[in-house]
Amino acid sequence: MSGINLSPFEMDVLQCLAEGMNKRGAMHKLGKSSKEVWGAMRSIQSKLSAPSVPRAVEKAREQGLIK
């Protein structure tokens, strides 16, 4: 496993994105606001040094954070 430290909520958002959901889908599944999900998405991108959400998902898979 990588040394990337994502919060449980960030991991939930990342899993939703990996399953092909968009921000709205993640909002509904997780019962969170747009602002909360958007913030988590930006934090995930930053922590994974990814220029985009799709690249963040790809990097997370590469690093063993998600399947």
PDB file of N, CA and C in Angstrom:
ATOM      1  N   MET A   1       0.849  -1.185   0.000  1.00  0.00           N
ATOM      2  CA  MET A   1       0.000   0.000   0.000  1.00  0.00           C
ATOM      3  C   MET A   1       0.887   1.238   0.000  1.00  0.00           C
ATOM      4  N   SER A   2       0.403   2.289  -0.583  1.00  0.00           N
ATOM      5  CA  SER A   2       1.186   3.519  -0.708  1.00  0.00           C
ATOM      6  C   SER A   2       1.169   4.318   0.584  1.00  0.00           C
ATOM      7  N   GLY A   3       1.989   5.361   0.617  1.00  0.00           N
ATOM      8  CA  GLY A   3       2.042   6.229   1.778  1.00  0.00           C
ATOM      9  C   GLY A   3       1.038   7.373   1.713  1.00  0.00           C
ATOM     10  N   ILE A   4       0.128   7.329   0.745  1.00  0.00           N
ATOM     11  CA  ILE A   4      -0.894   8.375   0.605  1.00  0.00           C
ATOM     12  C   ILE A   4      -1.906   8.205   1.734  1.00  0.00           C
ATOM     13  N   ASN A   5      -2.203   9.296   2.422  1.00  0.00           N
ATOM     14  CA  ASN A   5      -3.131   9.242   3.549  1.00  0.00           C
ATOM     15  C   ASN A   5      -4.440   9.945   3.184  1.00  0.00           C
ATOM     16  N   LEU A   6      -5.421   9.163   2.753  1.00  0.00           N
ATOM     17  CA  LEU A   6      -6.737   9.706   2.437  1.00  0.00           C
ATOM     18  C   LEU A   6      -7.679   9.444   3.611  1.00  0.00           C
ATOM     19  N   SER A   7      -8.545  10.393   3.873  1.00  0.00           N
ATOM     20  CA  SER A   7      -9.540  10.226   4.937  1.00  0.00           C
ATOM     21  C   SER A   7     -10.564   9.167   4.512  1.00  0.00           C
ATOM     22  N   PRO A   8     -11.305   8.624   5.469  1.00  0.00           N
ATOM     23  CA  PRO A   8     -12.355   7.663   5.105  1.00  0.00           C
ATOM     24  C   PRO A   8     -13.352   8.248   4.095  1.00  0.00           C
ATOM     25  N   PHE A   9     -13.715   9.503   4.251  1.00  0.00           N
ATOM     26  CA  PHE A   9     -14.643  10.129   3.313  1.00  0.00           C
ATOM     27  C   PHE A   9     -14.013  10.255   1.931  1.00  0.00           C
ATOM     28  N   GLU A  10     -12.746  10.656   1.877  1.00  0.00           N
ATOM     29  CA  GLU A  10     -12.060  10.738   0.590  1.00  0.00           C
ATOM     30  C   GLU A  10     -12.002   9.369  -0.079  1.00  0.00           C
ATOM     31  N   MET A  11     -11.775   8.321   0.708  1.00  0.00           N
ATOM     32  CA  MET A  11     -11.767   6.961   0.156  1.00  0.00           C
ATOM     33  C   MET A  11     -13.140   6.593  -0.391  1.00  0.00           C
ATOM     34  N   ASP A  12     -14.196   6.983   0.311  1.00  0.00           N
ATOM     35  CA  ASP A  12     -15.561   6.718  -0.177  1.00  0.00           C
ATOM     36  C   ASP A  12     -15.815   7.433  -1.497  1.00  0.00           C
ATOM     37  N   VAL A  13     -15.414   8.696  -1.569  1.00  0.00           N
ATOM     38  CA  VAL A  13     -15.587   9.461  -2.807  1.00  0.00           C
ATOM     39  C   VAL A  13     -14.761   8.836  -3.920  1.00  0.00           C
ATOM     40  N   LEU A  14     -13.533   8.475  -3.621  1.00  0.00           N
ATOM     41  CA  LEU A  14     -12.668   7.858  -4.619  1.00  0.00           C
ATOM     42  C   LEU A  14     -13.271   6.564  -5.146  1.00  0.00           C
ATOM     43  N   GLN A  15     -13.842   5.760  -4.256  1.00  0.00           N
ATOM     44  CA  GLN A  15     -14.469   4.510  -4.683  1.00  0.00           C
ATOM     45  C   GLN A  15     -15.663   4.792  -5.598  1.00  0.00           C
ATOM     46  N   CYS A  16     -16.454   5.782  -5.265  1.00  0.00           N
ATOM     47  CA  CYS A  16     -17.579   6.160  -6.133  1.00  0.00           C
ATOM     48  C   CYS A  16     -17.076   6.551  -7.516  1.00  0.00           C
ATOM     49  N   LEU A  17     -16.025   7.349  -7.559  1.00  0.00           N
ATOM     50  CA  LEU A  17     -15.465   7.783  -8.834  1.00  0.00           C
ATOM     51  C   LEU A  17     -14.916   6.595  -9.616  1.00  0.00           C
ATOM     52  N   ALA A  18     -14.285   5.667  -8.913  1.00  0.00           N
ATOM     53  CA  ALA A  18     -13.736   4.474  -9.555  1.00  0.00           C
ATOM     54  C   ALA A  18     -14.841   3.593 -10.129  1.00  0.00           C
ATOM     55  N   GLU A  19     -16.017   3.661  -9.535  1.00  0.00           N
ATOM     56  CA  GLU A  19     -17.167   2.902 -10.019  1.00  0.00           C
ATOM     57  C   GLU A  19     -17.862   3.604 -11.180  1.00  0.00           C
ATOM     58  N   GLY A  20     -17.324   4.757 -11.581  1.00  0.00           N
ATOM     59  CA  GLY A  20     -17.857   5.467 -12.733  1.00  0.00           C
ATOM     60  C   GLY A  20     -18.874   6.544 -12.409  1.00  0.00           C
ATOM     61  N   MET A  21     -19.076   6.812 -11.131  1.00  0.00           N
ATOM     62  CA  MET A  21     -20.024   7.866 -10.753  1.00  0.00           C
ATOM     63  C   MET A  21     -19.400   9.233 -10.985  1.00  0.00           C
ATOM     64  N   ASN A  22     -20.254  10.202 -11.236  1.00  0.00           N
ATOM     65  CA  ASN A  22     -19.795  11.580 -11.286  1.00  0.00           C
ATOM     66  C   ASN A  22     -20.038  12.205  -9.909  1.00  0.00           C
ATOM     67  N   LYS A  23     -19.769  13.488  -9.807  1.00  0.00           N
ATOM     68  CA  LYS A  23     -19.925  14.172  -8.515  1.00  0.00           C
ATOM     69  C   LYS A  23     -21.349  14.030  -7.980  1.00  0.00           C
ATOM     70  N   ARG A  24     -22.324  14.202  -8.852  1.00  0.00           N
ATOM     71  CA  ARG A  24     -23.724  14.117  -8.421  1.00  0.00           C
ATOM     72  C   ARG A  24     -24.058  12.712  -7.905  1.00  0.00           C
ATOM     73  N   GLY A  25     -23.573  11.688  -8.599  1.00  0.00           N
ATOM     74  CA  GLY A  25     -23.812  10.310  -8.163  1.00  0.00           C
ATOM     75  C   GLY A  25     -23.202  10.049  -6.804  1.00  0.00           C
ATOM     76  N   ALA A  26     -21.982  10.539  -6.599  1.00  0.00           N
ATOM     77  CA  ALA A  26     -21.318  10.376  -5.308  1.00  0.00           C
ATOM     78  C   ALA A  26     -22.079  11.118  -4.209  1.00  0.00           C
ATOM     79  N   MET A  27     -22.581  12.306  -4.535  1.00  0.00           N
ATOM     80  CA  MET A  27     -23.363  13.080  -3.563  1.00  0.00           C
ATOM     81  C   MET A  27     -24.560  12.269  -3.079  1.00  0.00           C
ATOM     82  N   HIS A  28     -25.287  11.702  -4.016  1.00  0.00           N
ATOM     83  CA  HIS A  28     -26.495  10.962  -3.663  1.00  0.00           C
ATOM     84  C   HIS A  28     -26.164   9.682  -2.897  1.00  0.00           C
ATOM     85  N   LYS A  29     -25.158   8.951  -3.352  1.00  0.00           N
ATOM     86  CA  LYS A  29     -24.794   7.699  -2.686  1.00  0.00           C
ATOM     87  C   LYS A  29     -24.317   7.947  -1.262  1.00  0.00           C
ATOM     88  N   LEU A  30     -23.524   9.000  -1.079  1.00  0.00           N
ATOM     89  CA  LEU A  30     -22.918   9.264   0.225  1.00  0.00           C
ATOM     90  C   LEU A  30     -23.744  10.201   1.102  1.00  0.00           C
ATOM     91  N   GLY A  31     -24.793  10.788   0.543  1.00  0.00           N
ATOM     92  CA  GLY A  31     -25.638  11.695   1.310  1.00  0.00           C
ATOM     93  C   GLY A  31     -24.922  12.970   1.732  1.00  0.00           C
ATOM     94  N   LYS A  32     -24.051  13.453   0.863  1.00  0.00           N
ATOM     95  CA  LYS A  32     -23.272  14.653   1.163  1.00  0.00           C
ATOM     96  C   LYS A  32     -23.605  15.764   0.173  1.00  0.00           C
ATOM     97  N   SER A  33     -23.192  16.973   0.507  1.00  0.00           N
ATOM     98  CA  SER A  33     -23.455  18.118  -0.359  1.00  0.00           C
ATOM     99  C   SER A  33     -22.447  18.174  -1.503  1.00  0.00           C
ATOM    100  N   SER A  34     -22.805  18.952  -2.503  1.00  0.00           N
ATOM    101  CA  SER A  34     -21.911  19.169  -3.636  1.00  0.00           C
ATOM    102  C   SER A  34     -20.573  19.736  -3.162  1.00  0.00           C
ATOM    103  N   LYS A  35     -20.635  20.676  -2.247  1.00  0.00           N
ATOM    104  CA  LYS A  35     -19.423  21.311  -1.733  1.00  0.00           C
ATOM    105  C   LYS A  35     -18.515  20.292  -1.039  1.00  0.00           C
ATOM    106  N   GLU A  36     -19.104  19.390  -0.258  1.00  0.00           N
ATOM    107  CA  GLU A  36     -18.307  18.380   0.446  1.00  0.00           C
ATOM    108  C   GLU A  36     -17.638  17.418  -0.533  1.00  0.00           C
ATOM    109  N   VAL A  37     -18.400  16.949  -1.516  1.00  0.00           N
ATOM    110  CA  VAL A  37     -17.848  16.008  -2.486  1.00  0.00           C
ATOM    111  C   VAL A  37     -16.806  16.708  -3.356  1.00  0.00           C
ATOM    112  N   TRP A  38     -17.093  17.915  -3.800  1.00  0.00           N
ATOM    113  CA  TRP A  38     -16.143  18.671  -4.615  1.00  0.00           C
ATOM    114  C   TRP A  38     -14.836  18.882  -3.846  1.00  0.00           C
ATOM    115  N   GLY A  39     -14.945  19.246  -2.587  1.00  0.00           N
ATOM    116  CA  GLY A  39     -13.746  19.440  -1.763  1.00  0.00           C
ATOM    117  C   GLY A  39     -12.932  18.170  -1.627  1.00  0.00           C
ATOM    118  N   ALA A  40     -13.618  17.053  -1.439  1.00  0.00           N
ATOM    119  CA  ALA A  40     -12.917  15.767  -1.336  1.00  0.00           C
ATOM    120  C   ALA A  40     -12.232  15.423  -2.652  1.00  0.00           C
ATOM    121  N   MET A  41     -12.902  15.688  -3.767  1.00  0.00           N
ATOM    122  CA  MET A  41     -12.315  15.407  -5.077  1.00  0.00           C
ATOM    123  C   MET A  41     -11.039  16.224  -5.278  1.00  0.00           C
ATOM    124  N   ARG A  42     -11.081  17.483  -4.911  1.00  0.00           N
ATOM    125  CA  ARG A  42      -9.899  18.345  -5.058  1.00  0.00           C
ATOM    126  C   ARG A  42      -8.769  17.876  -4.137  1.00  0.00           C
ATOM    127  N   SER A  43      -9.134  17.484  -2.921  1.00  0.00           N
ATOM    128  CA  SER A  43      -8.131  16.995  -1.973  1.00  0.00           C
ATOM    129  C   SER A  43      -7.488  15.703  -2.474  1.00  0.00           C
ATOM    130  N   ILE A  44      -8.294  14.818  -3.025  1.00  0.00           N
ATOM    131  CA  ILE A  44      -7.784  13.558  -3.584  1.00  0.00           C
ATOM    132  C   ILE A  44      -6.796  13.862  -4.710  1.00  0.00           C
ATOM    133  N   GLN A  45      -7.176  14.764  -5.615  1.00  0.00           N
ATOM    134  CA  GLN A  45      -6.292  15.139  -6.717  1.00  0.00           C
ATOM    135  C   GLN A  45      -4.976  15.694  -6.188  1.00  0.00           C
ATOM    136  N   SER A  46      -5.054  16.540  -5.189  1.00  0.00           N
ATOM    137  CA  SER A  46      -3.857  17.146  -4.628  1.00  0.00           C
ATOM    138  C   SER A  46      -2.958  16.093  -3.986  1.00  0.00           C
ATOM    139  N   LYS A  47      -3.538  15.242  -3.164  1.00  0.00           N
ATOM    140  CA  LYS A  47      -2.751  14.224  -2.461  1.00  0.00           C
ATOM    141  C   LYS A  47      -2.116  13.223  -3.419  1.00  0.00           C
ATOM    142  N   LEU A  48      -2.772  12.968  -4.547  1.00  0.00           N
ATOM    143  CA  LEU A  48      -2.241  12.019  -5.525  1.00  0.00           C
ATOM    144  C   LEU A  48      -1.449  12.722  -6.630  1.00  0.00           C
ATOM    145  N   SER A  49      -1.306  14.040  -6.526  1.00  0.00           N
ATOM    146  CA  SER A  49      -0.606  14.835  -7.550  1.00  0.00           C
ATOM    147  C   SER A  49      -1.148  14.524  -8.941  1.00  0.00           C
ATOM    148  N   ALA A  50      -2.469  14.561  -9.048  1.00  0.00           N
ATOM    149  CA  ALA A  50      -3.135  14.239 -10.313  1.00  0.00           C
ATOM    150  C   ALA A  50      -3.772  15.487 -10.903  1.00  0.00           C
ATOM    151  N   PRO A  51      -3.601  15.716 -12.201  1.00  0.00           N
ATOM    152  CA  PRO A  51      -4.165  16.910 -12.843  1.00  0.00           C
ATOM    153  C   PRO A  51      -5.667  16.829 -13.100  1.00  0.00           C
ATOM    154  N   SER A  52      -6.240  15.623 -12.959  1.00  0.00           N
ATOM    155  CA  SER A  52      -7.665  15.453 -13.225  1.00  0.00           C
ATOM    156  C   SER A  52      -8.210  14.321 -12.354  1.00  0.00           C
ATOM    157  N   VAL A  53      -9.525  14.271 -12.252  1.00  0.00           N
ATOM    158  CA  VAL A  53     -10.158  13.203 -11.471  1.00  0.00           C
ATOM    159  C   VAL A  53      -9.896  11.828 -12.102  1.00  0.00           C
ATOM    160  N   PRO A  54     -10.061  11.673 -13.419  1.00  0.00           N
ATOM    161  CA  PRO A  54      -9.758  10.357 -14.000  1.00  0.00           C
ATOM    162  C   PRO A  54      -8.319   9.905 -13.735  1.00  0.00           C
ATOM    163  N   ARG A  55      -7.386  10.842 -13.797  1.00  0.00           N
ATOM    164  CA  ARG A  55      -5.986  10.489 -13.517  1.00  0.00           C
ATOM    165  C   ARG A  55      -5.809  10.142 -12.046  1.00  0.00           C
ATOM    166  N   ALA A  56      -6.523  10.805 -11.150  1.00  0.00           N
ATOM    167  CA  ALA A  56      -6.452  10.474  -9.726  1.00  0.00           C
ATOM    168  C   ALA A  56      -6.932   9.040  -9.488  1.00  0.00           C
ATOM    169  N   VAL A  57      -8.012   8.654 -10.155  1.00  0.00           N
ATOM    170  CA  VAL A  57      -8.518   7.286 -10.021  1.00  0.00           C
ATOM    171  C   VAL A  57      -7.476   6.303 -10.547  1.00  0.00           C
ATOM    172  N   GLU A  58      -6.890   6.618 -11.683  1.00  0.00           N
ATOM    173  CA  GLU A  58      -5.863   5.756 -12.275  1.00  0.00           C
ATOM    174  C   GLU A  58      -4.672   5.606 -11.326  1.00  0.00           C
ATOM    175  N   LYS A  59      -4.204   6.724 -10.771  1.00  0.00           N
ATOM    176  CA  LYS A  59      -3.067   6.684  -9.848  1.00  0.00           C
ATOM    177  C   LYS A  59      -3.413   5.909  -8.578  1.00  0.00           C
ATOM    178  N   ALA A  60      -4.645   6.069  -8.093  1.00  0.00           N
ATOM    179  CA  ALA A  60      -5.067   5.336  -6.899  1.00  0.00           C
ATOM    180  C   ALA A  60      -5.036   3.833  -7.161  1.00  0.00           C
ATOM    181  N   ARG A  61      -5.459   3.429  -8.345  1.00  0.00           N
ATOM    182  CA  ARG A  61      -5.397   1.996  -8.711  1.00  0.00           C
ATOM    183  C   ARG A  61      -3.947   1.532  -8.779  1.00  0.00           C
ATOM    184  N   GLU A  62      -3.101   2.328  -9.412  1.00  0.00           N
ATOM    185  CA  GLU A  62      -1.694   1.989  -9.546  1.00  0.00           C
ATOM    186  C   GLU A  62      -1.027   1.810  -8.189  1.00  0.00           C
ATOM    187  N   GLN A  63      -1.456   2.614  -7.208  1.00  0.00           N
ATOM    188  CA  GLN A  63      -0.844   2.583  -5.884  1.00  0.00           C
ATOM    189  C   GLN A  63      -1.548   1.624  -4.928  1.00  0.00           C
ATOM    190  N   GLY A  64      -2.547   0.912  -5.424  1.00  0.00           N
ATOM    191  CA  GLY A  64      -3.215  -0.084  -4.610  1.00  0.00           C
ATOM    192  C   GLY A  64      -4.223   0.461  -3.613  1.00  0.00           C
ATOM    193  N   LEU A  65      -4.638   1.706  -3.794  1.00  0.00           N
ATOM    194  CA  LEU A  65      -5.619   2.288  -2.878  1.00  0.00           C
ATOM    195  C   LEU A  65      -7.017   1.749  -3.158  1.00  0.00           C
ATOM    196  N   ILE A  66      -7.297   1.457  -4.424  1.00  0.00           N
ATOM    197  CA  ILE A  66      -8.588   0.911  -4.843  1.00  0.00           C
ATOM    198  C   ILE A  66      -8.343  -0.165  -5.893  1.00  0.00           C
ATOM    199  N   LYS A  67      -9.367  -0.968  -6.135  1.00  0.00           N
ATOM    200  CA  LYS A  67      -9.256  -2.012  -7.165  1.00  0.00           C
ATOM    201  C   LYS A  67      -9.931  -1.587  -8.437  1.00  0.00           C
TER     202      LYS A  67
END
